[in-house]
C-alpha atoms as a PDB file:
ATOM      1  CA  MET A   1     -21.345  48.226  93.535  1.00  0.00           C
ATOM      2  CA  THR A   2     -25.136  48.250  93.392  1.00  0.00           C
ATOM      3  CA  MET A   3     -26.712  49.061  90.061  1.00  0.00           C
ATOM      4  CA  PRO A   4     -29.990  50.952  89.931  1.00  0.00           C
ATOM      5  CA  LEU A   5     -32.820  48.783  88.734  1.00  0.00           C
ATOM      6  CA  VAL A   6     -34.681  49.654  85.582  1.00  0.00           C
ATOM      7  CA  VAL A   7     -38.297  50.325  86.439  1.00  0.00           C
ATOM      8  CA  LEU A   8     -40.237  49.819  83.263  1.00  0.00           C
ATOM      9  CA  GLU A   9     -43.738  50.319  84.577  1.00  0.00           C
ATOM     10  CA  GLU A  10     -45.170  52.208  87.492  1.00  0.00           C
ATOM     11  CA  GLY A  11     -46.519  50.093  90.286  1.00  0.00           C
ATOM     12  CA  SER A  12     -45.814  47.661  93.025  1.00  0.00           C
ATOM     13  CA  TYR A  13     -44.119  44.273  93.225  1.00  0.00           C
ATOM     14  CA  GLY A  14     -46.933  42.651  91.257  1.00  0.00           C
ATOM     15  CA  THR A  15     -46.385  44.747  88.130  1.00  0.00           C
ATOM     16  CA  SER A  16     -45.048  42.637  85.276  1.00  0.00           C
ATOM     17  CA  ILE A  17     -42.541  43.533  82.570  1.00  0.00           C
ATOM     18  CA  ALA A  18     -44.461  41.445  80.044  1.00  0.00           C
ATOM     19  CA  THR A  19     -45.063  44.448  77.801  1.00  0.00           C
ATOM     20  CA  VAL A  20     -41.352  45.140  77.393  1.00  0.00           C
ATOM     21  CA  SER A  21     -40.327  45.849  73.819  1.00  0.00           C
ATOM     22  CA  PRO A  22     -37.192  44.268  72.373  1.00  0.00           C
ATOM     23  CA  GLU A  23     -35.422  47.613  72.715  1.00  0.00           C
ATOM     24  CA  GLU A  24     -36.342  47.899  76.399  1.00  0.00           C
ATOM     25  CA  PHE A  25     -35.247  44.309  76.970  1.00  0.00           C
ATOM     26  CA  THR A  26     -31.917  45.195  75.350  1.00  0.00           C
ATOM     27  CA  THR A  27     -31.566  47.921  77.976  1.00  0.00           C
ATOM     28  CA  ILE A  28     -32.239  45.376  80.727  1.00  0.00           C
ATOM     29  CA  TYR A  29     -29.738  43.015  79.111  1.00  0.00           C
ATOM     30  CA  ARG A  30     -27.035  45.666  78.994  1.00  0.00           C
ATOM     31  CA  GLN A  31     -27.708  46.773  82.555  1.00  0.00           C
ATOM     32  CA  PHE A  32     -27.706  43.308  84.114  1.00  0.00           C
ATOM     33  CA  LEU A  33     -25.314  41.315  81.917  1.00  0.00           C
ATOM     34  CA  ASN A  34     -22.303  42.163  84.108  1.00  0.00           C
ATOM     35  CA  PRO A  35     -23.874  41.154  87.458  1.00  0.00           C
ATOM     36  CA  VAL A  36     -25.341  37.966  85.947  1.00  0.00           C
ATOM     37  CA  THR A  37     -21.984  37.101  84.375  1.00  0.00           C
ATOM     38  CA  LYS A  38     -20.218  37.599  87.711  1.00  0.00           C
ATOM     39  CA  TYR A  39     -22.828  35.421  89.419  1.00  0.00           C
ATOM     40  CA  LEU A  40     -22.203  32.653  86.878  1.00  0.00           C
ATOM     41  CA  ALA A  41     -18.412  33.043  87.000  1.00  0.00           C
ATOM     42  CA  ARG A  42     -18.443  32.268  90.726  1.00  0.00           C
ATOM     43  CA  ARG A  43     -20.352  29.038  90.115  1.00  0.00           C
ATOM     44  CA  VAL A  44     -19.181  27.447  86.856  1.00  0.00           C
ATOM     45  CA  ASN A  45     -16.095  26.962  84.727  1.00  0.00           C
ATOM     46  CA  PRO A  46     -15.074  30.284  83.117  1.00  0.00           C
ATOM     47  CA  SER A  47     -15.332  28.730  79.652  1.00  0.00           C
ATOM     48  CA  ASP A  48     -19.058  28.100  80.226  1.00  0.00           C
ATOM     49  CA  VAL A  49     -20.028  31.556  81.510  1.00  0.00           C
ATOM     50  CA  GLU A  50     -20.799  33.209  78.167  1.00  0.00           C
ATOM     51  CA  GLU A  51     -22.994  30.356  76.957  1.00  0.00           C
ATOM     52  CA  LEU A  52     -24.872  30.164  80.254  1.00  0.00           C
ATOM     53  CA  ALA A  53     -25.372  33.943  80.378  1.00  0.00           C
ATOM     54  CA  SER A  54     -26.934  33.831  76.939  1.00  0.00           C
ATOM     55  CA  ARG A  55     -29.193  31.024  78.130  1.00  0.00           C
ATOM     56  CA  VAL A  56     -30.253  33.085  81.177  1.00  0.00           C
ATOM     57  CA  PHE A  57     -31.300  36.014  79.006  1.00  0.00           C
ATOM     58  CA  GLU A  58     -32.977  33.741  76.467  1.00  0.00           C
ATOM     59  CA  ILE A  59     -35.123  32.298  79.252  1.00  0.00           C
ATOM     60  CA  ALA A  60     -35.698  35.783  80.671  1.00  0.00           C
ATOM     61  CA  TRP A  61     -37.050  36.957  77.328  1.00  0.00           C
ATOM     62  CA  GLN A  62     -39.315  33.902  77.030  1.00  0.00           C
ATOM     63  CA  LYS A  63     -40.618  34.243  80.596  1.00  0.00           C
ATOM     64  CA  ARG A  64     -40.679  38.025  80.895  1.00  0.00           C
ATOM     65  CA  ALA A  65     -44.355  37.861  81.923  1.00  0.00           C
ATOM     66  CA  GLN A  66     -43.219  36.363  85.255  1.00  0.00           C
ATOM     67  CA  ALA A  67     -40.857  39.229  86.125  1.00  0.00           C
ATOM     68  CA  SER A  68     -41.857  42.074  88.390  1.00  0.00           C
ATOM     69  CA  ALA A  69     -40.786  45.572  87.533  1.00  0.00           C
ATOM     70  CA  GLY A  70     -38.113  46.780  89.915  1.00  0.00           C
ATOM     71  CA  PHE A  71     -37.033  43.227  90.785  1.00  0.00           C
ATOM     72  CA  GLU A  72     -35.358  42.256  87.536  1.00  0.00           C
ATOM     73  CA  LEU A  73     -31.926  41.423  88.975  1.00  0.00           C
ATOM     74  CA  PRO A  74     -33.166  39.014  91.675  1.00  0.00           C
ATOM     75  CA  TRP A  75     -35.388  37.417  89.058  1.00  0.00           C
ATOM     76  CA  LEU A  76     -32.407  37.012  86.707  1.00  0.00           C
ATOM     77  CA  TYR A  77     -30.373  35.512  89.560  1.00  0.00           C
ATOM     78  CA  ARG A  78     -33.141  32.995  90.151  1.00  0.00           C
ATOM     79  CA  ILE A  79     -33.103  32.016  86.485  1.00  0.00           C
ATOM     80  CA  ALA A  80     -29.289  31.819  86.602  1.00  0.00           C
ATOM     81  CA  GLY A  81     -29.511  29.494  89.605  1.00  0.00           C
ATOM     82  CA  TYR A  82     -31.719  27.124  87.631  1.00  0.00           C
ATOM     83  CA  VAL A  83     -29.443  27.357  84.596  1.00  0.00           C
ATOM     84  CA  VAL A  84     -26.405  26.533  86.765  1.00  0.00           C
ATOM     85  CA  SER A  85     -28.217  23.540  88.291  1.00  0.00           C
ATOM     86  CA  ASN A  86     -29.182  22.235  84.868  1.00  0.00           C
ATOM     87  CA  HIS A  87     -25.628  22.787  83.608  1.00  0.00           C
ATOM     88  CA  ARG A  88     -24.166  20.841  86.528  1.00  0.00           C
ATOM     89  CA  ARG A  89     -26.596  17.962  85.949  1.00  0.00           C
ATOM     90  CA  SER A  90     -25.683  17.935  82.279  1.00  0.00           C
ATOM     91  CA  GLU A  91     -21.954  17.899  83.071  1.00  0.00           C
ATOM     92  CA  ALA A  92     -22.432  15.064  85.573  1.00  0.00           C
ATOM     93  CA  ALA A  93     -24.382  13.069  82.989  1.00  0.00           C
ATOM     94  CA  LYS A  94     -21.609  13.593  80.429  1.00  0.00           C
ATOM     95  CA  ALA A  95     -18.986  12.494  82.938  1.00  0.00           C
ATOM     96  CA  SER A  96     -21.007   9.381  83.813  1.00  0.00           C
ATOM     97  CA  PHE A  97     -21.419   8.541  80.152  1.00  0.00           C
ATOM     98  CA  LEU A  98     -17.717   9.014  79.436  1.00  0.00           C
ATOM     99  CA  ALA A  99     -16.861   6.861  82.464  1.00  0.00           C
ATOM    100  CA  LEU A 100     -18.483   3.930  80.674  1.00  0.00           C
ATOM    101  CA  PHE A 101     -15.685   4.042  78.109  1.00  0.00           C
ATOM    102  CA  ARG A 102     -12.824   4.103  80.594  1.00  0.00           C
ATOM    103  CA  PRO A 103     -11.201   0.895  81.737  1.00  0.00           C
ATOM    104  CA  ASN A 104     -12.987  -0.714  84.657  1.00  0.00           C
ATOM    105  CA  ASP A 105     -10.071  -0.362  87.011  1.00  0.00           C
ATOM    106  CA  ALA A 106      -6.977   1.717  87.521  1.00  0.00           C
ATOM    107  CA  ALA A 107      -4.768  -1.170  88.582  1.00  0.00           C
ATOM    108  CA  PRO A 108      -1.996  -2.735  86.538  1.00  0.00           C
ATOM    109  CA  SER A 109      -3.161  -5.252  84.001  1.00  0.00           C
ATOM    110  CA  ALA A 110      -3.231  -8.922  84.908  1.00  0.00           C
ATOM    111  CA  GLU A 111      -0.237  -9.432  82.589  1.00  0.00           C
ATOM    112  CA  ASP A 112       1.864  -6.935  84.543  1.00  0.00           C
ATOM    113  CA  ILE A 113       1.031  -8.623  87.806  1.00  0.00           C
ATOM    114  CA  ALA A 114       1.712 -12.079  86.327  1.00  0.00           C
ATOM    115  CA  ILE A 115       5.355 -11.200  85.934  1.00  0.00           C
ATOM    116  CA  VAL A 116       5.621 -10.807  89.698  1.00  0.00           C
ATOM    117  CA  ASP A 117       3.317 -13.550  90.950  1.00  0.00           C
ATOM    118  CA  LEU A 118       1.290 -15.976  88.845  1.00  0.00           C
ATOM    119  CA  SER A 119      -1.122 -16.904  91.650  1.00  0.00           C
ATOM    120  CA  LEU A 120      -1.795 -13.259  92.423  1.00  0.00           C
ATOM    121  CA  SER A 121      -2.399 -12.607  88.745  1.00  0.00           C
ATOM    122  CA  GLN A 122      -4.924 -15.434  88.485  1.00  0.00           C
ATOM    123  CA  ALA A 123      -6.705 -14.303  91.653  1.00  0.00           C
ATOM    124  CA  TRP A 124      -6.746 -10.675  90.452  1.00  0.00           C
ATOM    125  CA  ALA A 125      -8.342 -11.705  87.159  1.00  0.00           C
ATOM    126  CA  LYS A 126     -11.127 -13.519  89.048  1.00  0.00           C
ATOM    127  CA  LEU A 127     -12.143 -10.379  90.971  1.00  0.00           C
ATOM    128  CA  ALA A 128     -15.058  -8.349  89.689  1.00  0.00           C
ATOM    129  CA  PRO A 129     -14.120  -4.965  88.174  1.00  0.00           C
ATOM    130  CA  ALA A 130     -15.666  -3.097  91.134  1.00  0.00           C
ATOM    131  CA  GLU A 131     -13.589  -5.209  93.546  1.00  0.00           C
ATOM    132  CA  ARG A 132     -10.395  -4.561  91.574  1.00  0.00           C
ATOM    133  CA  GLN A 133     -11.211  -0.859  91.518  1.00  0.00           C
ATOM    134  CA  ALA A 134     -11.711  -0.706  95.297  1.00  0.00           C
ATOM    135  CA  ILE A 135      -8.414  -2.457  95.980  1.00  0.00           C
ATOM    136  CA  SER A 136      -6.650  -0.343  93.350  1.00  0.00           C
ATOM    137  CA  LEU A 137      -7.832   2.939  94.820  1.00  0.00           C
ATOM    138  CA  SER A 138      -6.813   1.870  98.293  1.00  0.00           C
ATOM    139  CA  SER A 139      -3.570   0.008  97.628  1.00  0.00           C
ATOM    140  CA  PHE A 140      -2.141   1.338  94.371  1.00  0.00           C
ATOM    141  CA  GLU A 141      -3.414   4.918  94.472  1.00  0.00           C
ATOM    142  CA  GLY A 142      -3.018   5.227  98.259  1.00  0.00           C
ATOM    143  CA  LEU A 143      -6.392   6.870  98.864  1.00  0.00           C
ATOM    144  CA  ASP A 144      -8.085   6.717 102.242  1.00  0.00           C
ATOM    145  CA  ASN A 145     -11.658   5.435 102.425  1.00  0.00           C
ATOM    146  CA  PRO A 146     -13.408   8.845 102.288  1.00  0.00           C
ATOM    147  CA  SER A 147     -11.356   9.921  99.251  1.00  0.00           C
ATOM    148  CA  ALA A 148     -11.844   6.645  97.408  1.00  0.00           C
ATOM    149  CA  ALA A 149     -15.565   6.735  98.186  1.00  0.00           C
ATOM    150  CA  ARG A 150     -15.705  10.191  96.642  1.00  0.00           C
ATOM    151  CA  VAL A 151     -14.006   8.893  93.483  1.00  0.00           C
ATOM    152  CA  LEU A 152     -16.673   6.204  93.172  1.00  0.00           C
ATOM    153  CA  ASP A 153     -19.476   8.540  94.261  1.00  0.00           C
ATOM    154  CA  ILE A 154     -20.588   6.239  97.061  1.00  0.00           C
ATOM    155  CA  SER A 155     -20.672   6.616 100.837  1.00  0.00           C
ATOM    156  CA  THR A 156     -17.562   5.982 102.909  1.00  0.00           C
ATOM    157  CA  ASN A 157     -19.272   3.049 104.618  1.00  0.00           C
ATOM    158  CA  ALA A 158     -20.231   1.502 101.271  1.00  0.00           C
ATOM    159  CA  PHE A 159     -16.634   1.823 100.083  1.00  0.00           C
ATOM    160  CA  ALA A 160     -15.234   0.331 103.304  1.00  0.00           C
ATOM    161  CA  LEU A 161     -17.600  -2.620 102.942  1.00  0.00           C
ATOM    162  CA  ARG A 162     -16.709  -3.084  99.262  1.00  0.00           C
ATOM    163  CA  LEU A 163     -12.991  -2.922 100.044  1.00  0.00           C
ATOM    164  CA  SER A 164     -13.258  -5.375 102.920  1.00  0.00           C
ATOM    165  CA  LYS A 165     -15.169  -7.884 100.823  1.00  0.00           C
ATOM    166  CA  ALA A 166     -12.752  -7.473  97.917  1.00  0.00           C
ATOM    167  CA  LYS A 167      -9.705  -8.033 100.121  1.00  0.00           C
ATOM    168  CA  SER A 168     -11.292 -11.088 101.716  1.00  0.00           C
ATOM    169  CA  LYS A 169     -12.154 -12.517  98.309  1.00  0.00           C
ATOM    170  CA  LEU A 170      -8.634 -11.858  96.983  1.00  0.00           C
ATOM    171  CA  LYS A 171      -7.110 -13.473 100.064  1.00  0.00           C
ATOM    172  CA  LYS A 172      -9.346 -16.523  99.618  1.00  0.00           C
ATOM    173  CA  LEU A 173      -8.506 -16.783  95.901  1.00  0.00           C
ATOM    174  CA  ILE A 174      -4.768 -16.618  96.569  1.00  0.00           C
ATOM    175  CA  SER A 175      -4.910 -19.366  99.215  1.00  0.00           C
END
């Protein structure tokens, strides 16, 4: 369903809505909130839509001098695209920060392995955390190289190289 655009001033594409009063902006808000919300809902977690929509309209109010009359919805979509990008970067930064507090590997602890094989336990403890993580993702979690590389946010080739070196080092340490 296409909504008619609010034309606030006569003129061409270059006409700005900078002179919009708060009441007129409220009309724009009411007219375009639903399409902007749907745009956001297709791109972010549903729990974030309301907050991001409010951010879009906050920015729209602050930058209303850049909007052209008759092209409000595309302009709002452009702002929403930037808001979504910033939100995704923020979420990635949070995830990276929280990852610092997780254990370095997903493998059983050295104590658990020691019960089965003391030499394997000693060799496992001598591996670097990144090496243990590569082996864990491949052997214990059963992930293929592309999937494990995605978990670590590295290329498949980088993961394959890391895994190969880790296995070689573990083999050498066990011998």
